[in-house]
Amino acid sequence: MRTPYGPLHRGDLHAIRKSILGLDTTVGTVPIYDAVRRAGSAPDITADILFNTIRDHCRDGGVDFLTLHCGVNHETFASLRRDPPRVMGVVSRGGAFHLAMMDATGEENPLYAEYDYLMEILREEDVCISLGDGMRPGAVVDAGRQAKTVEYLTLGTLAARAQEQGVQRMIEGPGHMPVDQITYNVKMIKELTDQAPLYLLGGPLVTDIVPGYDHVSAAIGGSIAAMAGADFLCMVSPPSEHLALPDLADIEEGTRGGKSCRTYRGGYHPSTGHVVQ
């Protein structure tokens, strides 16, 4: 599970994180959310604040993976500016925070500029890097924008560098997109990243017009993505997804929807060579 406190930015995040780490499950965090809280605003984040936050999350004991938006760099930012304006803008909160940092300072994303140092931290603490998809589309009409693909290419290079330095890696993606683009995008990400595990954040959602029923849209997209080789699906919580904070009943219902995608995952999995049940 990825810790739910991230988007809230309030409360004792350390205490919340430690409480969640008491559960018998895989746990991931998103340090940039905590870093914004410590700095006061995204443009005020420094490399020291960001790396200190990452170290703190690693050293809490029990954190298995960190979502880090290392692919949001100057090249990706330039591609975003060249793209036609997005209907939904940059919907990745982590991606938007890094863009705000870069725009305010004119400097490169520290996670990209000092990637080798980041690998030292993660290798020392035996934590997996989940390379975040900061340019993922938040509306199906934005799915064809170039910045998303430029980020894919960068993540492929970073995934290889992680492996070379003894750090486990997985990839996040690909956002909202039409049904006919899901298989292509999943296979492209898998090929560019040498078949790294692919973690899908909610879906992909195949339509933007069913708020309150996004778990249905996500189950459709997730099933297609699973057939194409996706490895890890993030559940969508009805009816609160995109509308409110979920309660326990929402989480349970969303989990049932996510599990339904496993039905479509049987057969030969090209990334492992194993038969998946």
C-alpha atoms as a PDB file:
ATOM      1  CA  MET A   1       0.000   0.000   0.000  1.00  0.00           C
ATOM      2  CA  ARG A   2       1.077   3.588  -0.482  1.00  0.00           C
ATOM      3  CA  THR A   3       0.558   5.593   2.681  1.00  0.00           C
ATOM      4  CA  PRO A   4      -2.641   7.661   2.513  1.00  0.00           C
ATOM      5  CA  TYR A   5      -1.389  10.635   4.487  1.00  0.00           C
ATOM      6  CA  GLY A   6       0.514  12.059   1.528  1.00  0.00           C
ATOM      7  CA  PRO A   7      -2.210  14.191  -0.073  1.00  0.00           C
ATOM      8  CA  LEU A   8      -3.420  15.487   3.302  1.00  0.00           C
ATOM      9  CA  HIS A   9      -0.288  17.403   4.367  1.00  0.00           C
ATOM     10  CA  ARG A  10      -1.465  17.668   7.952  1.00  0.00           C
ATOM     11  CA  GLY A  11      -1.217  15.943  11.313  1.00  0.00           C
ATOM     12  CA  ASP A  12       1.816  14.197  12.774  1.00  0.00           C
ATOM     13  CA  LEU A  13       3.045  12.513   9.610  1.00  0.00           C
ATOM     14  CA  HIS A  14       5.813  10.635  11.393  1.00  0.00           C
ATOM     15  CA  ALA A  15       3.360   9.128  13.887  1.00  0.00           C
ATOM     16  CA  ILE A  16       0.916   8.243  11.102  1.00  0.00           C
ATOM     17  CA  ARG A  17       3.684   6.613   9.110  1.00  0.00           C
ATOM     18  CA  LYS A  18       4.893   4.571  12.084  1.00  0.00           C
ATOM     19  CA  SER A  19       1.333   3.415  12.759  1.00  0.00           C
ATOM     20  CA  ILE A  20       0.910   2.225   9.175  1.00  0.00           C
ATOM     21  CA  LEU A  21       4.287   0.490   9.285  1.00  0.00           C
ATOM     22  CA  GLY A  22       2.888  -1.710  12.035  1.00  0.00           C
ATOM     23  CA  LEU A  23       0.688  -3.427   9.465  1.00  0.00           C
ATOM     24  CA  ASP A  24       1.771  -6.687   7.861  1.00  0.00           C
ATOM     25  CA  THR A  25       1.863  -5.340   4.317  1.00  0.00           C
ATOM     26  CA  THR A  26       4.135  -3.688   1.786  1.00  0.00           C
ATOM     27  CA  VAL A  27       4.299   0.060   2.434  1.00  0.00           C
ATOM     28  CA  GLY A  28       5.446   2.909   0.208  1.00  0.00           C
ATOM     29  CA  THR A  29       5.620   6.645   0.850  1.00  0.00           C
ATOM     30  CA  VAL A  30       5.871   9.834  -1.223  1.00  0.00           C
ATOM     31  CA  PRO A  31       8.577  11.986   0.423  1.00  0.00           C
ATOM     32  CA  ILE A  32       7.933  15.087  -1.706  1.00  0.00           C
ATOM     33  CA  TYR A  33       4.615  15.625   0.108  1.00  0.00           C
ATOM     34  CA  ASP A  34       6.409  15.666   3.441  1.00  0.00           C
ATOM     35  CA  ALA A  35       9.166  17.871   2.027  1.00  0.00           C
ATOM     36  CA  VAL A  36       6.627  20.503   0.948  1.00  0.00           C
ATOM     37  CA  ARG A  37       5.195  20.492   4.452  1.00  0.00           C
ATOM     38  CA  ARG A  38       8.645  20.982   5.963  1.00  0.00           C
ATOM     39  CA  ALA A  39       9.615  23.758   3.547  1.00  0.00           C
ATOM     40  CA  GLY A  40       6.270  25.570   3.663  1.00  0.00           C
ATOM     41  CA  SER A  41       5.749  25.565  -0.099  1.00  0.00           C
ATOM     42  CA  ALA A  42       7.041  23.710  -3.143  1.00  0.00           C
ATOM     43  CA  PRO A  43       9.212  26.570  -4.495  1.00  0.00           C
ATOM     44  CA  ASP A  44      10.993  26.732  -1.118  1.00  0.00           C
ATOM     45  CA  ILE A  45      12.143  23.115  -1.134  1.00  0.00           C
ATOM     46  CA  THR A  46      15.919  22.741  -1.272  1.00  0.00           C
ATOM     47  CA  ALA A  47      17.969  19.698  -2.162  1.00  0.00           C
ATOM     48  CA  ASP A  48      18.930  19.339   1.510  1.00  0.00           C
ATOM     49  CA  ILE A  49      15.299  19.343   2.660  1.00  0.00           C
ATOM     50  CA  LEU A  50      14.355  16.811   0.009  1.00  0.00           C
ATOM     51  CA  PHE A  51      17.206  14.381   0.672  1.00  0.00           C
ATOM     52  CA  ASN A  52      16.850  14.684   4.460  1.00  0.00           C
ATOM     53  CA  THR A  53      13.163  13.830   4.107  1.00  0.00           C
ATOM     54  CA  ILE A  54      14.010  10.815   1.965  1.00  0.00           C
ATOM     55  CA  ARG A  55      16.524   9.601   4.567  1.00  0.00           C
ATOM     56  CA  ASP A  56      13.959  10.019   7.344  1.00  0.00           C
ATOM     57  CA  HIS A  57      11.389   7.952   5.457  1.00  0.00           C
ATOM     58  CA  CYS A  58      13.935   5.222   4.752  1.00  0.00           C
ATOM     59  CA  ARG A  59      15.040   5.071   8.376  1.00  0.00           C
ATOM     60  CA  ASP A  60      11.560   4.774   9.843  1.00  0.00           C
ATOM     61  CA  GLY A  61      11.971   1.029   9.490  1.00  0.00           C
ATOM     62  CA  GLY A  62       9.631  -1.002   7.327  1.00  0.00           C
ATOM     63  CA  VAL A  63       9.224   1.360   4.354  1.00  0.00           C
ATOM     64  CA  ASP A  64       9.590  -0.830   1.259  1.00  0.00           C
ATOM     65  CA  PHE A  65       9.470   1.686  -1.576  1.00  0.00           C
ATOM     66  CA  LEU A  66       9.558   5.423  -2.171  1.00  0.00           C
ATOM     67  CA  THR A  67       7.759   7.177  -5.011  1.00  0.00           C
ATOM     68  CA  LEU A  68      10.278   9.671  -6.381  1.00  0.00           C
ATOM     69  CA  HIS A  69       9.681  11.860  -9.427  1.00  0.00           C
ATOM     70  CA  CYS A  70      13.215  11.740 -10.824  1.00  0.00           C
ATOM     71  CA  GLY A  71      12.067  11.925 -14.454  1.00  0.00           C
ATOM     72  CA  VAL A  72      10.611  15.419 -14.071  1.00  0.00           C
ATOM     73  CA  ASN A  73      13.690  17.240 -15.333  1.00  0.00           C
ATOM     74  CA  HIS A  74      14.497  20.199 -17.567  1.00  0.00           C
ATOM     75  CA  GLU A  75      14.044  18.120 -20.727  1.00  0.00           C
ATOM     76  CA  THR A  76      10.603  16.959 -19.617  1.00  0.00           C
ATOM     77  CA  PHE A  77       9.663  20.502 -18.569  1.00  0.00           C
ATOM     78  CA  ALA A  78      10.693  21.846 -21.997  1.00  0.00           C
ATOM     79  CA  SER A  79       8.577  19.169 -23.679  1.00  0.00           C
ATOM     80  CA  LEU A  80       5.599  20.094 -21.505  1.00  0.00           C
ATOM     81  CA  ARG A  81       5.941  23.719 -22.606  1.00  0.00           C
ATOM     82  CA  ARG A  82       6.063  22.670 -26.276  1.00  0.00           C
ATOM     83  CA  ASP A  83       2.932  20.533 -25.938  1.00  0.00           C
ATOM     84  CA  PRO A  84      -0.500  22.013 -26.617  1.00  0.00           C
ATOM     85  CA  PRO A  85      -2.036  23.202 -23.316  1.00  0.00           C
ATOM     86  CA  ARG A  86      -3.451  20.331 -21.298  1.00  0.00           C
ATOM     87  CA  VAL A  87      -7.121  20.292 -20.424  1.00  0.00           C
ATOM     88  CA  MET A  88      -6.244  19.044 -16.922  1.00  0.00           C
ATOM     89  CA  GLY A  89      -2.765  20.489 -16.525  1.00  0.00           C
ATOM     90  CA  VAL A  90      -0.188  18.508 -14.533  1.00  0.00           C
ATOM     91  CA  VAL A  91      -2.307  16.301 -12.265  1.00  0.00           C
ATOM     92  CA  SER A  92       0.537  14.474 -10.552  1.00  0.00           C
ATOM     93  CA  ARG A  93       0.986  16.349  -7.288  1.00  0.00           C
ATOM     94  CA  GLY A  94       4.592  15.232  -7.020  1.00  0.00           C
ATOM     95  CA  GLY A  95       5.229  16.217 -10.627  1.00  0.00           C
ATOM     96  CA  ALA A  96       3.666  19.648 -10.076  1.00  0.00           C
ATOM     97  CA  PHE A  97       5.746  20.214  -6.925  1.00  0.00           C
ATOM     98  CA  HIS A  98       8.981  19.462  -8.773  1.00  0.00           C
ATOM     99  CA  LEU A  99       8.002  21.719 -11.666  1.00  0.00           C
ATOM    100  CA  ALA A 100       7.311  24.522  -9.184  1.00  0.00           C
ATOM    101  CA  MET A 101      10.769  24.022  -7.641  1.00  0.00           C
ATOM    102  CA  MET A 102      12.474  24.097 -11.024  1.00  0.00           C
ATOM    103  CA  ASP A 103      10.462  27.072 -12.249  1.00  0.00           C
ATOM    104  CA  ALA A 104      11.288  29.097  -9.127  1.00  0.00           C
ATOM    105  CA  THR A 105      15.020  28.368  -9.090  1.00  0.00           C
ATOM    106  CA  GLY A 106      15.861  27.638 -12.721  1.00  0.00           C
ATOM    107  CA  GLU A 107      17.842  24.666 -11.443  1.00  0.00           C
ATOM    108  CA  GLU A 108      17.569  20.986 -12.314  1.00  0.00           C
ATOM    109  CA  ASN A 109      15.428  18.627 -10.229  1.00  0.00           C
ATOM    110  CA  PRO A 110      17.786  17.491  -7.414  1.00  0.00           C
ATOM    111  CA  LEU A 111      16.564  13.904  -7.716  1.00  0.00           C
ATOM    112  CA  TYR A 112      17.721  13.844 -11.338  1.00  0.00           C
ATOM    113  CA  ALA A 113      20.854  15.963 -10.937  1.00  0.00           C
ATOM    114  CA  GLU A 114      22.045  13.957  -7.926  1.00  0.00           C
ATOM    115  CA  TYR A 115      20.622  10.580  -8.885  1.00  0.00           C
ATOM    116  CA  ASP A 116      23.783   8.685  -7.949  1.00  0.00           C
ATOM    117  CA  TYR A 117      23.621  10.144  -4.439  1.00  0.00           C
ATOM    118  CA  LEU A 118      19.977   9.113  -4.225  1.00  0.00           C
ATOM    119  CA  MET A 119      20.977   5.574  -5.206  1.00  0.00           C
ATOM    120  CA  GLU A 120      23.532   5.523  -2.381  1.00  0.00           C
ATOM    121  CA  ILE A 121      20.793   6.326   0.144  1.00  0.00           C
ATOM    122  CA  LEU A 122      18.355   3.727  -1.184  1.00  0.00           C
ATOM    123  CA  ARG A 123      21.003   1.025  -1.499  1.00  0.00           C
ATOM    124  CA  GLU A 124      22.202   1.676   2.047  1.00  0.00           C
ATOM    125  CA  GLU A 125      18.658   1.414   3.429  1.00  0.00           C
ATOM    126  CA  ASP A 126      17.564  -1.403   1.061  1.00  0.00           C
ATOM    127  CA  VAL A 127      14.561   0.550  -0.213  1.00  0.00           C
ATOM    128  CA  CYS A 128      13.064   0.136  -3.696  1.00  0.00           C
ATOM    129  CA  ILE A 129      12.642   3.213  -5.897  1.00  0.00           C
ATOM    130  CA  SER A 130       9.263   3.652  -7.545  1.00  0.00           C
ATOM    131  CA  LEU A 131       9.959   6.065 -10.396  1.00  0.00           C
ATOM    132  CA  GLY A 132       6.964   8.402 -10.359  1.00  0.00           C
ATOM    133  CA  ASP A 133       5.061   9.456 -13.461  1.00  0.00           C
ATOM    134  CA  GLY A 134       4.936  13.220 -13.023  1.00  0.00           C
ATOM    135  CA  MET A 135       3.663  13.818 -16.563  1.00  0.00           C
ATOM    136  CA  ARG A 136       0.823  11.298 -16.572  1.00  0.00           C
ATOM    137  CA  PRO A 137      -2.359  12.596 -18.246  1.00  0.00           C
ATOM    138  CA  GLY A 138      -5.314  13.461 -16.028  1.00  0.00           C
ATOM    139  CA  ALA A 139      -7.839  13.399 -18.873  1.00  0.00           C
ATOM    140  CA  VAL A 140      -8.122  11.051 -21.832  1.00  0.00           C
ATOM    141  CA  VAL A 141      -7.817  13.983 -24.242  1.00  0.00           C
ATOM    142  CA  ASP A 142      -4.343  14.693 -22.825  1.00  0.00           C
ATOM    143  CA  ALA A 143      -3.082  11.123 -23.299  1.00  0.00           C
ATOM    144  CA  GLY A 144      -1.212  11.855 -26.510  1.00  0.00           C
ATOM    145  CA  ARG A 145       0.943  14.688 -25.172  1.00  0.00           C
ATOM    146  CA  GLN A 146       4.679  14.431 -25.820  1.00  0.00           C
ATOM    147  CA  ALA A 147       5.907  15.204 -22.291  1.00  0.00           C
ATOM    148  CA  LYS A 148       4.570  11.859 -21.064  1.00  0.00           C
ATOM    149  CA  THR A 149       6.673   9.962 -23.596  1.00  0.00           C
ATOM    150  CA  VAL A 150       9.785  12.054 -22.933  1.00  0.00           C
ATOM    151  CA  GLU A 151       9.426  11.115 -19.264  1.00  0.00           C
ATOM    152  CA  TYR A 152       9.064   7.424 -20.210  1.00  0.00           C
ATOM    153  CA  LEU A 153      12.424   7.593 -22.004  1.00  0.00           C
ATOM    154  CA  THR A 154      14.067   9.226 -19.002  1.00  0.00           C
ATOM    155  CA  LEU A 155      12.617   6.646 -16.623  1.00  0.00           C
ATOM    156  CA  GLY A 156      14.017   3.875 -18.802  1.00  0.00           C
ATOM    157  CA  THR A 157      17.523   5.282 -18.409  1.00  0.00           C
ATOM    158  CA  LEU A 158      17.080   5.848 -14.667  1.00  0.00           C
ATOM    159  CA  ALA A 159      15.706   2.334 -14.141  1.00  0.00           C
ATOM    160  CA  ALA A 160      18.817   0.876 -15.773  1.00  0.00           C
ATOM    161  CA  ARG A 161      21.087   3.038 -13.621  1.00  0.00           C
ATOM    162  CA  ALA A 162      19.281   1.861 -10.493  1.00  0.00           C
ATOM    163  CA  GLN A 163      19.838  -1.776 -11.441  1.00  0.00           C
ATOM    164  CA  GLU A 164      23.516  -1.114 -12.159  1.00  0.00           C
ATOM    165  CA  GLN A 165      23.891   0.346  -8.672  1.00  0.00           C
ATOM    166  CA  GLY A 166      22.119  -2.465  -6.868  1.00  0.00           C
ATOM    167  CA  VAL A 167      18.815  -0.691  -6.203  1.00  0.00           C
ATOM    168  CA  GLN A 168      15.473  -2.349  -6.954  1.00  0.00           C
ATOM    169  CA  ARG A 169      13.158  -0.294  -9.171  1.00  0.00           C
ATOM    170  CA  MET A 170       9.632  -0.147 -10.461  1.00  0.00           C
ATOM    171  CA  ILE A 171       7.870   2.299 -12.758  1.00  0.00           C
ATOM    172  CA  GLU A 172       4.634   4.246 -12.300  1.00  0.00           C
ATOM    173  CA  GLY A 173       2.159   5.186 -15.012  1.00  0.00           C
ATOM    174  CA  PRO A 174       0.370   5.865 -17.255  1.00  0.00           C
ATOM    175  CA  GLY A 175      -2.719   7.934 -16.151  1.00  0.00           C
ATOM    176  CA  HIS A 176      -6.038   8.500 -17.923  1.00  0.00           C
ATOM    177  CA  MET A 177      -6.162   7.255 -21.491  1.00  0.00           C
ATOM    178  CA  PRO A 178      -8.512   5.846 -24.124  1.00  0.00           C
ATOM    179  CA  VAL A 179      -8.963   2.085 -24.237  1.00  0.00           C
ATOM    180  CA  ASP A 180      -7.121   1.742 -27.547  1.00  0.00           C
ATOM    181  CA  GLN A 181      -3.944   3.350 -26.162  1.00  0.00           C
ATOM    182  CA  ILE A 182      -3.519   1.268 -22.987  1.00  0.00           C
ATOM    183  CA  THR A 183      -1.822  -1.818 -24.413  1.00  0.00           C
ATOM    184  CA  TYR A 184       0.549   0.283 -26.499  1.00  0.00           C
ATOM    185  CA  ASN A 185       1.577   2.440 -23.539  1.00  0.00           C
ATOM    186  CA  VAL A 186       2.050  -0.490 -21.160  1.00  0.00           C
ATOM    187  CA  LYS A 187       4.188  -2.378 -23.665  1.00  0.00           C
ATOM    188  CA  MET A 188       6.209   0.739 -24.472  1.00  0.00           C
ATOM    189  CA  ILE A 189       6.969   1.418 -20.800  1.00  0.00           C
ATOM    190  CA  LYS A 190       7.911  -2.226 -20.221  1.00  0.00           C
ATOM    191  CA  GLU A 191      10.223  -2.231 -23.241  1.00  0.00           C
ATOM    192  CA  LEU A 192      11.910   1.074 -22.374  1.00  0.00           C
ATOM    193  CA  THR A 193      12.529  -0.023 -18.773  1.00  0.00           C
ATOM    194  CA  ASP A 194      13.794  -3.543 -19.563  1.00  0.00           C
ATOM    195  CA  GLN A 195      10.598  -5.129 -18.231  1.00  0.00           C
ATOM    196  CA  ALA A 196      10.731  -3.371 -14.845  1.00  0.00           C
ATOM    197  CA  PRO A 197       7.633  -3.947 -12.679  1.00  0.00           C
ATOM    198  CA  LEU A 198       4.938  -1.479 -13.720  1.00  0.00           C
ATOM    199  CA  TYR A 199       2.759   0.136 -11.055  1.00  0.00           C
ATOM    200  CA  LEU A 200      -0.466   1.700 -12.333  1.00  0.00           C
ATOM    201  CA  LEU A 201      -2.040   4.527 -10.345  1.00  0.00           C
ATOM    202  CA  GLY A 202      -5.750   3.957 -10.560  1.00  0.00           C
ATOM    203  CA  GLY A 203      -6.755   2.286 -13.751  1.00  0.00           C
ATOM    204  CA  PRO A 204      -5.770   3.573 -16.246  1.00  0.00           C
ATOM    205  CA  LEU A 205      -9.094   5.398 -16.233  1.00  0.00           C
ATOM    206  CA  VAL A 206     -10.704   5.038 -19.645  1.00  0.00           C
ATOM    207  CA  THR A 207     -13.171   7.911 -19.298  1.00  0.00           C
ATOM    208  CA  ASP A 208     -13.396  11.159 -17.332  1.00  0.00           C
ATOM    209  CA  ILE A 209     -17.182  11.447 -17.097  1.00  0.00           C
ATOM    210  CA  VAL A 210     -18.133   8.975 -14.345  1.00  0.00           C
ATOM    211  CA  PRO A 211     -17.151  10.606 -11.035  1.00  0.00           C
ATOM    212  CA  GLY A 212     -18.511   8.448  -8.266  1.00  0.00           C
ATOM    213  CA  TYR A 213     -18.006   5.379 -10.447  1.00  0.00           C
ATOM    214  CA  ASP A 214     -14.327   5.727 -11.258  1.00  0.00           C
ATOM    215  CA  HIS A 215     -13.709   2.249  -9.831  1.00  0.00           C
ATOM    216  CA  VAL A 216     -15.649   0.841 -12.800  1.00  0.00           C
ATOM    217  CA  SER A 217     -13.586   2.857 -15.281  1.00  0.00           C
ATOM    218  CA  ALA A 218     -10.411   1.828 -13.439  1.00  0.00           C
ATOM    219  CA  ALA A 219     -11.346  -1.865 -13.458  1.00  0.00           C
ATOM    220  CA  ILE A 220     -11.800  -1.742 -17.242  1.00  0.00           C
ATOM    221  CA  GLY A 221      -8.469  -0.008 -17.773  1.00  0.00           C
ATOM    222  CA  GLY A 222      -6.705  -2.140 -15.187  1.00  0.00           C
ATOM    223  CA  SER A 223      -7.891  -5.357 -16.783  1.00  0.00           C
ATOM    224  CA  ILE A 224      -6.574  -4.310 -20.190  1.00  0.00           C
ATOM    225  CA  ALA A 225      -3.297  -3.131 -18.656  1.00  0.00           C
ATOM    226  CA  ALA A 226      -2.904  -6.409 -16.753  1.00  0.00           C
ATOM    227  CA  MET A 227      -3.325  -8.377 -19.979  1.00  0.00           C
ATOM    228  CA  ALA A 228      -0.610  -6.197 -21.541  1.00  0.00           C
ATOM    229  CA  GLY A 229       1.870  -6.897 -18.729  1.00  0.00           C
ATOM    230  CA  ALA A 230       1.212  -4.428 -15.885  1.00  0.00           C
ATOM    231  CA  ASP A 231       2.309  -5.781 -12.513  1.00  0.00           C
ATOM    232  CA  PHE A 232       0.878  -3.645  -9.694  1.00  0.00           C
ATOM    233  CA  LEU A 233      -2.527  -1.934  -9.635  1.00  0.00           C
ATOM    234  CA  CYS A 234      -3.432   0.914  -7.286  1.00  0.00           C
ATOM    235  CA  MET A 235      -7.057   0.649  -6.183  1.00  0.00           C
ATOM    236  CA  VAL A 236      -9.618   3.382  -6.817  1.00  0.00           C
ATOM    237  CA  SER A 237     -12.019   4.119  -3.960  1.00  0.00           C
ATOM    238  CA  PRO A 238     -15.684   4.656  -4.901  1.00  0.00           C
ATOM    239  CA  PRO A 239     -17.543   6.934  -4.696  1.00  0.00           C
ATOM    240  CA  SER A 240     -14.983   9.285  -3.151  1.00  0.00           C
ATOM    241  CA  GLU A 241     -12.234   9.017  -5.778  1.00  0.00           C
ATOM    242  CA  HIS A 242     -11.534  12.515  -7.174  1.00  0.00           C
ATOM    243  CA  LEU A 243     -14.336  13.888  -4.985  1.00  0.00           C
ATOM    244  CA  ALA A 244     -13.522  13.411  -1.292  1.00  0.00           C
ATOM    245  CA  LEU A 245     -11.455  11.449   1.216  1.00  0.00           C
ATOM    246  CA  PRO A 246     -12.408   7.738   1.357  1.00  0.00           C
ATOM    247  CA  ASP A 247     -13.741   5.932   4.403  1.00  0.00           C
ATOM    248  CA  LEU A 248     -13.259   2.246   5.226  1.00  0.00           C
ATOM    249  CA  ALA A 249     -16.258   1.141   3.157  1.00  0.00           C
ATOM    250  CA  ASP A 250     -14.876   2.990   0.118  1.00  0.00           C
ATOM    251  CA  ILE A 251     -11.508   1.265   0.515  1.00  0.00           C
ATOM    252  CA  GLU A 252     -13.125  -2.163   0.798  1.00  0.00           C
ATOM    253  CA  GLU A 253     -15.261  -1.627  -2.302  1.00  0.00           C
ATOM    254  CA  GLY A 254     -12.332  -0.241  -4.281  1.00  0.00           C
ATOM    255  CA  THR A 255     -10.202  -3.224  -3.309  1.00  0.00           C
ATOM    256  CA  ARG A 256     -12.868  -5.606  -4.582  1.00  0.00           C
ATOM    257  CA  GLY A 257     -12.881  -3.731  -7.883  1.00  0.00           C
ATOM    258  CA  GLY A 258      -9.108  -3.868  -8.142  1.00  0.00           C
ATOM    259  CA  LYS A 259      -9.005  -7.590  -7.405  1.00  0.00           C
ATOM    260  CA  SER A 260     -11.400  -8.214 -10.276  1.00  0.00           C
ATOM    261  CA  CYS A 261      -8.622  -7.214 -12.683  1.00  0.00           C
ATOM    262  CA  ARG A 262      -6.666 -10.320 -11.665  1.00  0.00           C
ATOM    263  CA  THR A 263      -9.188 -12.375 -13.628  1.00  0.00           C
ATOM    264  CA  TYR A 264      -7.606 -11.058 -16.802  1.00  0.00           C
ATOM    265  CA  ARG A 265      -4.010 -11.707 -15.764  1.00  0.00           C
ATOM    266  CA  GLY A 266      -3.884 -15.446 -16.485  1.00  0.00           C
ATOM    267  CA  GLY A 267      -1.487 -16.913 -19.004  1.00  0.00           C
ATOM    268  CA  TYR A 268       2.106 -16.303 -19.979  1.00  0.00           C
ATOM    269  CA  HIS A 269       3.750 -13.172 -18.551  1.00  0.00           C
ATOM    270  CA  PRO A 270       6.482 -11.950 -20.916  1.00  0.00           C
ATOM    271  CA  SER A 271       8.475 -10.102 -18.238  1.00  0.00           C
ATOM    272  CA  THR A 272       9.006 -13.209 -16.093  1.00  0.00           C
ATOM    273  CA  GLY A 273       8.474 -16.167 -18.373  1.00  0.00           C
ATOM    274  CA  HIS A 274       6.071 -17.623 -15.806  1.00  0.00           C
ATOM    275  CA  VAL A 275       2.458 -18.667 -16.058  1.00  0.00           C
ATOM    276  CA  VAL A 276       0.374 -16.252 -13.975  1.00  0.00           C
ATOM    277  CA  GLN A 277      -2.792 -17.420 -12.227  1.00  0.00           C
END
